[in-house]
Every structure is written in structure tokens, then in C-alpha cells.
PDB file of all heavy atoms in Angstrom:
ATOM      1  N   GLY A   1      -8.158 -19.962 -15.996  1.00  0.00           N
ATOM      2  CA  GLY A   1      -7.082 -19.627 -15.286  1.00  0.00           C
ATOM      3  C   GLY A   1      -7.397 -18.764 -14.014  1.00  0.00           C
ATOM      4  O   GLY A   1      -6.531 -18.590 -13.230  1.00  0.00           O
ATOM      5  N   TRP A   2      -8.613 -18.294 -13.951  1.00  0.00           N
ATOM      6  CA  TRP A   2      -8.894 -17.274 -12.863  1.00  0.00           C
ATOM      7  C   TRP A   2      -8.749 -17.838 -11.359  1.00  0.00           C
ATOM      8  O   TRP A   2      -8.182 -17.196 -10.557  1.00  0.00           O
ATOM      9  CB  TRP A   2     -10.350 -16.689 -12.971  1.00  0.00           C
ATOM     10  CG  TRP A   2     -10.352 -15.461 -12.117  1.00  0.00           C
ATOM     11  CD1 TRP A   2     -11.107 -15.500 -10.936  1.00  0.00           C
ATOM     12  CD2 TRP A   2      -9.764 -14.227 -12.281  1.00  0.00           C
ATOM     13  NE1 TRP A   2     -10.953 -14.183 -10.335  1.00  0.00           N
ATOM     14  CE2 TRP A   2     -10.315 -13.395 -11.200  1.00  0.00           C
ATOM     15  CE3 TRP A   2      -9.053 -13.681 -13.308  1.00  0.00           C
ATOM     16  CZ2 TRP A   2      -9.890 -12.104 -11.030  1.00  0.00           C
ATOM     17  CZ3 TRP A   2      -8.615 -12.375 -13.130  1.00  0.00           C
ATOM     18  CH2 TRP A   2      -9.109 -11.563 -11.947  1.00  0.00           C
ATOM     19  N   PRO A   3      -9.105 -19.141 -11.287  1.00  0.00           N
ATOM     20  CA  PRO A   3      -8.999 -19.649  -9.906  1.00  0.00           C
ATOM     21  C   PRO A   3      -7.539 -19.606  -9.340  1.00  0.00           C
ATOM     22  O   PRO A   3      -7.406 -19.672  -8.172  1.00  0.00           O
ATOM     23  CB  PRO A   3      -9.489 -21.016  -9.942  1.00  0.00           C
ATOM     24  CG  PRO A   3     -10.420 -20.990 -11.155  1.00  0.00           C
ATOM     25  CD  PRO A   3      -9.822 -20.043 -12.114  1.00  0.00           C
ATOM     26  N   GLN A   4      -6.540 -19.639 -10.134  1.00  0.00           N
ATOM     27  CA  GLN A   4      -5.207 -19.443  -9.796  1.00  0.00           C
ATOM     28  C   GLN A   4      -4.601 -18.219  -9.489  1.00  0.00           C
ATOM     29  O   GLN A   4      -3.560 -17.927  -9.093  1.00  0.00           O
ATOM     30  CB  GLN A   4      -4.220 -20.256 -10.791  1.00  0.00           C
ATOM     31  CG  GLN A   4      -4.353 -21.786 -10.857  1.00  0.00           C
ATOM     32  CD  GLN A   4      -5.582 -22.243 -11.593  1.00  0.00           C
ATOM     33  OE1 GLN A   4      -5.903 -21.656 -12.592  1.00  0.00           O
ATOM     34  NE2 GLN A   4      -6.468 -23.247 -10.945  1.00  0.00           N
ATOM     35  N   VAL A   5      -5.381 -17.101  -9.938  1.00  0.00           N
ATOM     36  CA  VAL A   5      -4.823 -15.710  -9.880  1.00  0.00           C
ATOM     37  C   VAL A   5      -4.914 -15.294  -8.336  1.00  0.00           C
ATOM     38  O   VAL A   5      -6.084 -15.455  -7.739  1.00  0.00           O
ATOM     39  CB  VAL A   5      -5.744 -14.775 -10.710  1.00  0.00           C
ATOM     40  CG1 VAL A   5      -5.274 -13.309 -10.501  1.00  0.00           C
ATOM     41  CG2 VAL A   5      -5.509 -15.134 -12.163  1.00  0.00           C
ATOM     42  N   SER A   6      -3.838 -14.747  -7.829  1.00  0.00           N
ATOM     43  CA  SER A   6      -3.855 -14.317  -6.405  1.00  0.00           C
ATOM     44  C   SER A   6      -3.062 -12.950  -6.386  1.00  0.00           C
ATOM     45  O   SER A   6      -2.288 -12.597  -7.381  1.00  0.00           O
ATOM     46  CB  SER A   6      -3.192 -15.301  -5.526  1.00  0.00           C
ATOM     47  OG  SER A   6      -1.792 -15.414  -5.826  1.00  0.00           O
ATOM     48  N   LEU A   7      -3.513 -12.179  -5.387  1.00  0.00           N
ATOM     49  CA  LEU A   7      -2.883 -10.784  -5.235  1.00  0.00           C
ATOM     50  C   LEU A   7      -2.799 -10.529  -3.733  1.00  0.00           C
ATOM     51  O   LEU A   7      -3.615 -10.843  -2.977  1.00  0.00           O
ATOM     52  CB  LEU A   7      -3.978  -9.851  -5.835  1.00  0.00           C
ATOM     53  CG  LEU A   7      -3.560  -8.376  -5.854  1.00  0.00           C
ATOM     54  CD1 LEU A   7      -2.465  -8.103  -6.817  1.00  0.00           C
ATOM     55  CD2 LEU A   7      -4.737  -7.567  -6.289  1.00  0.00           C
ATOM     56  N   GLU A   8      -1.575  -9.916  -3.469  1.00  0.00           N
ATOM     57  CA  GLU A   8      -1.278  -9.514  -2.122  1.00  0.00           C
ATOM     58  C   GLU A   8      -0.793  -8.045  -2.269  1.00  0.00           C
ATOM     59  O   GLU A   8      -0.218  -7.690  -3.257  1.00  0.00           O
ATOM     60  CB  GLU A   8      -0.164 -10.291  -1.525  1.00  0.00           C
ATOM     61  CG  GLU A   8      -0.539 -11.722  -1.356  1.00  0.00           C
ATOM     62  CD  GLU A   8       0.703 -12.634  -0.780  1.00  0.00           C
ATOM     63  OE1 GLU A   8       1.789 -12.034  -0.643  1.00  0.00           O
ATOM     64  OE2 GLU A   8       0.584 -13.879  -0.899  1.00  0.00           O
ATOM     65  N   ALA A   9      -1.225  -7.233  -1.243  1.00  0.00           N
ATOM     66  CA  ALA A   9      -0.645  -5.797  -1.209  1.00  0.00           C
ATOM     67  C   ALA A   9      -0.174  -5.390   0.071  1.00  0.00           C
ATOM     68  O   ALA A   9      -0.504  -5.962   1.131  1.00  0.00           O
ATOM     69  CB  ALA A   9      -1.985  -4.957  -1.574  1.00  0.00           C
ATOM     70  N   THR A  10       0.672  -4.449   0.130  1.00  0.00           N
ATOM     71  CA  THR A  10       1.372  -3.863   1.325  1.00  0.00           C
ATOM     72  C   THR A  10       0.436  -2.830   1.846  1.00  0.00           C
ATOM     73  O   THR A  10      -0.372  -2.129   1.039  1.00  0.00           O
ATOM     74  CB  THR A  10       2.777  -3.438   1.012  1.00  0.00           C
ATOM     75  OG1 THR A  10       2.704  -2.284   0.185  1.00  0.00           O
ATOM     76  CG2 THR A  10       3.611  -4.487   0.477  1.00  0.00           C
ATOM     77  N   THR A  11       0.729  -2.548   3.067  1.00  0.00           N
ATOM     78  CA  THR A  11       0.105  -1.131   3.673  1.00  0.00           C
ATOM     79  C   THR A  11       0.846   0.031   3.090  1.00  0.00           C
ATOM     80  O   THR A  11       2.019  -0.055   2.595  1.00  0.00           O
ATOM     81  CB  THR A  11       0.414  -1.159   5.142  1.00  0.00           C
ATOM     82  OG1 THR A  11      -0.310  -2.270   5.728  1.00  0.00           O
ATOM     83  CG2 THR A  11      -0.272   0.097   5.852  1.00  0.00           C
ATOM     84  N   ALA A  12       0.132   1.124   2.660  1.00  0.00           N
ATOM     85  CA  ALA A  12       0.745   2.272   2.139  1.00  0.00           C
ATOM     86  C   ALA A  12       1.979   2.668   2.939  1.00  0.00           C
ATOM     87  O   ALA A  12       1.913   2.624   4.191  1.00  0.00           O
ATOM     88  CB  ALA A  12      -0.269   3.415   2.001  1.00  0.00           C
ATOM     89  N   GLN A  13       3.061   2.981   2.302  1.00  0.00           N
ATOM     90  CA  GLN A  13       4.305   3.427   2.898  1.00  0.00           C
ATOM     91  C   GLN A  13       4.812   4.779   2.412  1.00  0.00           C
ATOM     92  O   GLN A  13       4.686   5.089   1.186  1.00  0.00           O
ATOM     93  CB  GLN A  13       5.352   2.392   2.590  1.00  0.00           C
ATOM     94  CG  GLN A  13       4.895   1.000   3.297  1.00  0.00           C
ATOM     95  CD  GLN A  13       6.037  -0.060   2.949  1.00  0.00           C
ATOM     96  OE1 GLN A  13       6.690  -0.027   1.920  1.00  0.00           O
ATOM     97  NE2 GLN A  13       6.387  -0.765   3.906  1.00  0.00           N
ATOM     98  N   VAL A  14       5.446   5.523   3.290  1.00  0.00           N
ATOM     99  CA  VAL A  14       6.272   6.668   2.921  1.00  0.00           C
ATOM    100  C   VAL A  14       7.703   6.328   3.311  1.00  0.00           C
ATOM    101  O   VAL A  14       7.956   6.005   4.415  1.00  0.00           O
ATOM    102  CB  VAL A  14       5.710   7.948   3.687  1.00  0.00           C
ATOM    103  CG1 VAL A  14       6.676   9.072   3.400  1.00  0.00           C
ATOM    104  CG2 VAL A  14       4.225   8.322   3.377  1.00  0.00           C
ATOM    105  N   GLY A  15       8.369   6.128   2.243  1.00  0.00           N
ATOM    106  CA  GLY A  15       9.764   5.614   2.396  1.00  0.00           C
ATOM    107  C   GLY A  15       9.602   4.109   2.907  1.00  0.00           C
ATOM    108  O   GLY A  15       8.973   3.479   2.176  1.00  0.00           O
ATOM    109  N   ASP A  16      10.305   3.697   4.007  1.00  0.00           N
ATOM    110  CA  ASP A  16      10.091   2.322   4.484  1.00  0.00           C
ATOM    111  C   ASP A  16       9.165   2.177   5.508  1.00  0.00           C
ATOM    112  O   ASP A  16       9.122   1.061   6.112  1.00  0.00           O
ATOM    113  CB  ASP A  16      11.442   1.743   4.853  1.00  0.00           C
ATOM    114  CG  ASP A  16      12.473   1.774   3.617  1.00  0.00           C
ATOM    115  OD1 ASP A  16      11.907   1.530   2.595  1.00  0.00           O
ATOM    116  OD2 ASP A  16      13.708   1.740   3.861  1.00  0.00           O
ATOM    117  N   GLN A  17       8.406   3.308   5.854  1.00  0.00           N
ATOM    118  CA  GLN A  17       7.520   3.114   7.030  1.00  0.00           C
ATOM    119  C   GLN A  17       6.047   3.152   6.632  1.00  0.00           C
ATOM    120  O   GLN A  17       5.632   3.979   5.952  1.00  0.00           O
ATOM    121  CB  GLN A  17       7.735   4.382   7.842  1.00  0.00           C
ATOM    122  CG  GLN A  17       9.107   4.542   8.457  1.00  0.00           C
ATOM    123  CD  GLN A  17       9.538   3.380   9.306  1.00  0.00           C
ATOM    124  OE1 GLN A  17       8.836   2.940  10.284  1.00  0.00           O
ATOM    125  NE2 GLN A  17      10.721   2.820   9.149  1.00  0.00           N
ATOM    126  N   PRO A  18       5.318   2.092   7.190  1.00  0.00           N
ATOM    127  CA  PRO A  18       3.836   2.151   6.882  1.00  0.00           C
ATOM    128  C   PRO A  18       3.248   3.360   7.560  1.00  0.00           C
ATOM    129  O   PRO A  18       3.710   3.902   8.495  1.00  0.00           O
ATOM    130  CB  PRO A  18       3.319   0.859   7.714  1.00  0.00           C
ATOM    131  CG  PRO A  18       4.628   0.104   7.983  1.00  0.00           C
ATOM    132  CD  PRO A  18       5.759   1.057   7.860  1.00  0.00           C
ATOM    133  N   VAL A  19       2.167   3.859   6.815  1.00  0.00           N
ATOM    134  CA  VAL A  19       1.549   5.061   7.291  1.00  0.00           C
ATOM    135  C   VAL A  19       0.075   4.894   7.577  1.00  0.00           C
ATOM    136  O   VAL A  19      -0.579   4.135   6.875  1.00  0.00           O
ATOM    137  CB  VAL A  19       1.652   6.204   6.342  1.00  0.00           C
ATOM    138  CG1 VAL A  19       3.047   6.771   6.030  1.00  0.00           C
ATOM    139  CG2 VAL A  19       1.054   5.893   4.910  1.00  0.00           C
ATOM    140  N   ALA A  20      -0.347   5.353   8.730  1.00  0.00           N
ATOM    141  CA  ALA A  20      -1.749   5.374   9.118  1.00  0.00           C
ATOM    142  C   ALA A  20      -2.398   6.689   8.882  1.00  0.00           C
ATOM    143  O   ALA A  20      -3.582   6.875   8.519  1.00  0.00           O
ATOM    144  CB  ALA A  20      -1.928   4.961  10.571  1.00  0.00           C
ATOM    145  N   GLU A  21      -1.468   7.817   8.897  1.00  0.00           N
ATOM    146  CA  GLU A  21      -1.978   9.084   8.689  1.00  0.00           C
ATOM    147  C   GLU A  21      -0.875   9.821   7.704  1.00  0.00           C
ATOM    148  O   GLU A  21       0.319   9.472   7.856  1.00  0.00           O
ATOM    149  CB  GLU A  21      -1.984   9.898   9.974  1.00  0.00           C
ATOM    150  CG  GLU A  21      -3.033   9.469  10.933  1.00  0.00           C
ATOM    151  CD  GLU A  21      -3.171  10.287  12.208  1.00  0.00           C
ATOM    152  OE1 GLU A  21      -2.497  11.356  12.239  1.00  0.00           O
ATOM    153  OE2 GLU A  21      -3.902   9.939  13.138  1.00  0.00           O
ATOM    154  N   MET A  22      -1.352  10.699   6.909  1.00  0.00           N
ATOM    155  CA  MET A  22      -0.503  11.407   6.055  1.00  0.00           C
ATOM    156  C   MET A  22      -0.993  12.819   5.855  1.00  0.00           C
ATOM    157  O   MET A  22      -2.169  13.097   6.028  1.00  0.00           O
ATOM    158  CB  MET A  22      -0.230  10.876   4.653  1.00  0.00           C
ATOM    159  CG  MET A  22      -1.226   9.933   4.058  1.00  0.00           C
ATOM    160  SD  MET A  22      -0.699   9.140   2.558  1.00  0.00           S
ATOM    161  CE  MET A  22      -1.344  10.178   1.326  1.00  0.00           C
ATOM    162  N   ALA A  23       0.046  13.695   5.600  1.00  0.00           N
ATOM    163  CA  ALA A  23      -0.509  15.148   5.389  1.00  0.00           C
ATOM    164  C   ALA A  23      -1.128  15.281   4.060  1.00  0.00           C
ATOM    165  O   ALA A  23      -1.194  14.406   3.233  1.00  0.00           O
ATOM    166  CB  ALA A  23       0.919  16.020   5.276  1.00  0.00           C
ATOM    167  N   ALA A  24      -2.001  16.391   4.001  1.00  0.00           N
ATOM    168  CA  ALA A  24      -2.953  16.622   2.888  1.00  0.00           C
ATOM    169  C   ALA A  24      -2.159  16.623   1.526  1.00  0.00           C
ATOM    170  O   ALA A  24      -2.770  16.304   0.544  1.00  0.00           O
ATOM    171  CB  ALA A  24      -3.735  17.828   3.078  1.00  0.00           C
ATOM    172  N   ASP A  25      -0.948  17.131   1.534  1.00  0.00           N
ATOM    173  CA  ASP A  25      -0.195  17.124   0.156  1.00  0.00           C
ATOM    174  C   ASP A  25       0.770  15.992   0.000  1.00  0.00           C
ATOM    175  O   ASP A  25       1.590  16.050  -0.862  1.00  0.00           O
ATOM    176  CB  ASP A  25       0.490  18.474   0.189  1.00  0.00           C
ATOM    177  CG  ASP A  25       1.604  18.683   1.189  1.00  0.00           C
ATOM    178  OD1 ASP A  25       1.513  17.920   2.202  1.00  0.00           O
ATOM    179  OD2 ASP A  25       2.388  19.571   1.123  1.00  0.00           O
ATOM    180  N   ALA A  26       0.641  14.923   0.901  1.00  0.00           N
ATOM    181  CA  ALA A  26       1.676  13.929   0.822  1.00  0.00           C
ATOM    182  C   ALA A  26       1.262  12.819  -0.214  1.00  0.00           C
ATOM    183  O   ALA A  26       0.137  12.680  -0.510  1.00  0.00           O
ATOM    184  CB  ALA A  26       1.883  13.185   2.219  1.00  0.00           C
ATOM    185  N   THR A  27       2.235  11.936  -0.587  1.00  0.00           N
ATOM    186  CA  THR A  27       1.889  10.708  -1.282  1.00  0.00           C
ATOM    187  C   THR A  27       2.541   9.520  -0.576  1.00  0.00           C
ATOM    188  O   THR A  27       3.579   9.631   0.083  1.00  0.00           O
ATOM    189  CB  THR A  27       2.394  10.777  -2.699  1.00  0.00           C
ATOM    190  OG1 THR A  27       3.811  10.995  -2.756  1.00  0.00           O
ATOM    191  CG2 THR A  27       1.700  11.849  -3.455  1.00  0.00           C
ATOM    192  N   ALA A  28       1.924   8.428  -0.809  1.00  0.00           N
ATOM    193  CA  ALA A  28       2.428   7.083  -0.172  1.00  0.00           C
ATOM    194  C   ALA A  28       2.535   6.168  -1.277  1.00  0.00           C
ATOM    195  O   ALA A  28       1.847   6.289  -2.422  1.00  0.00           O
ATOM    196  CB  ALA A  28       1.567   6.611   0.975  1.00  0.00           C
TER     197      ALA A  28
END
């Protein structure tokens, strides 16, 4: 079954906004 397994991911987000930078104590 492995050939049919697919995966897509989003860019890390804080709230609804994609983030390129985050504060040292933040989470996305």
C-alpha cells in the first residue's frame, strides 16, 4: 500500500497567518 500514501503540509501558522519568523517563546 505504500505507493498510494501521500502527505501534504501547511506552512507553520500563528492564528491564520503563515509565519517566517517567530519570537523565542512563541509556538506555531
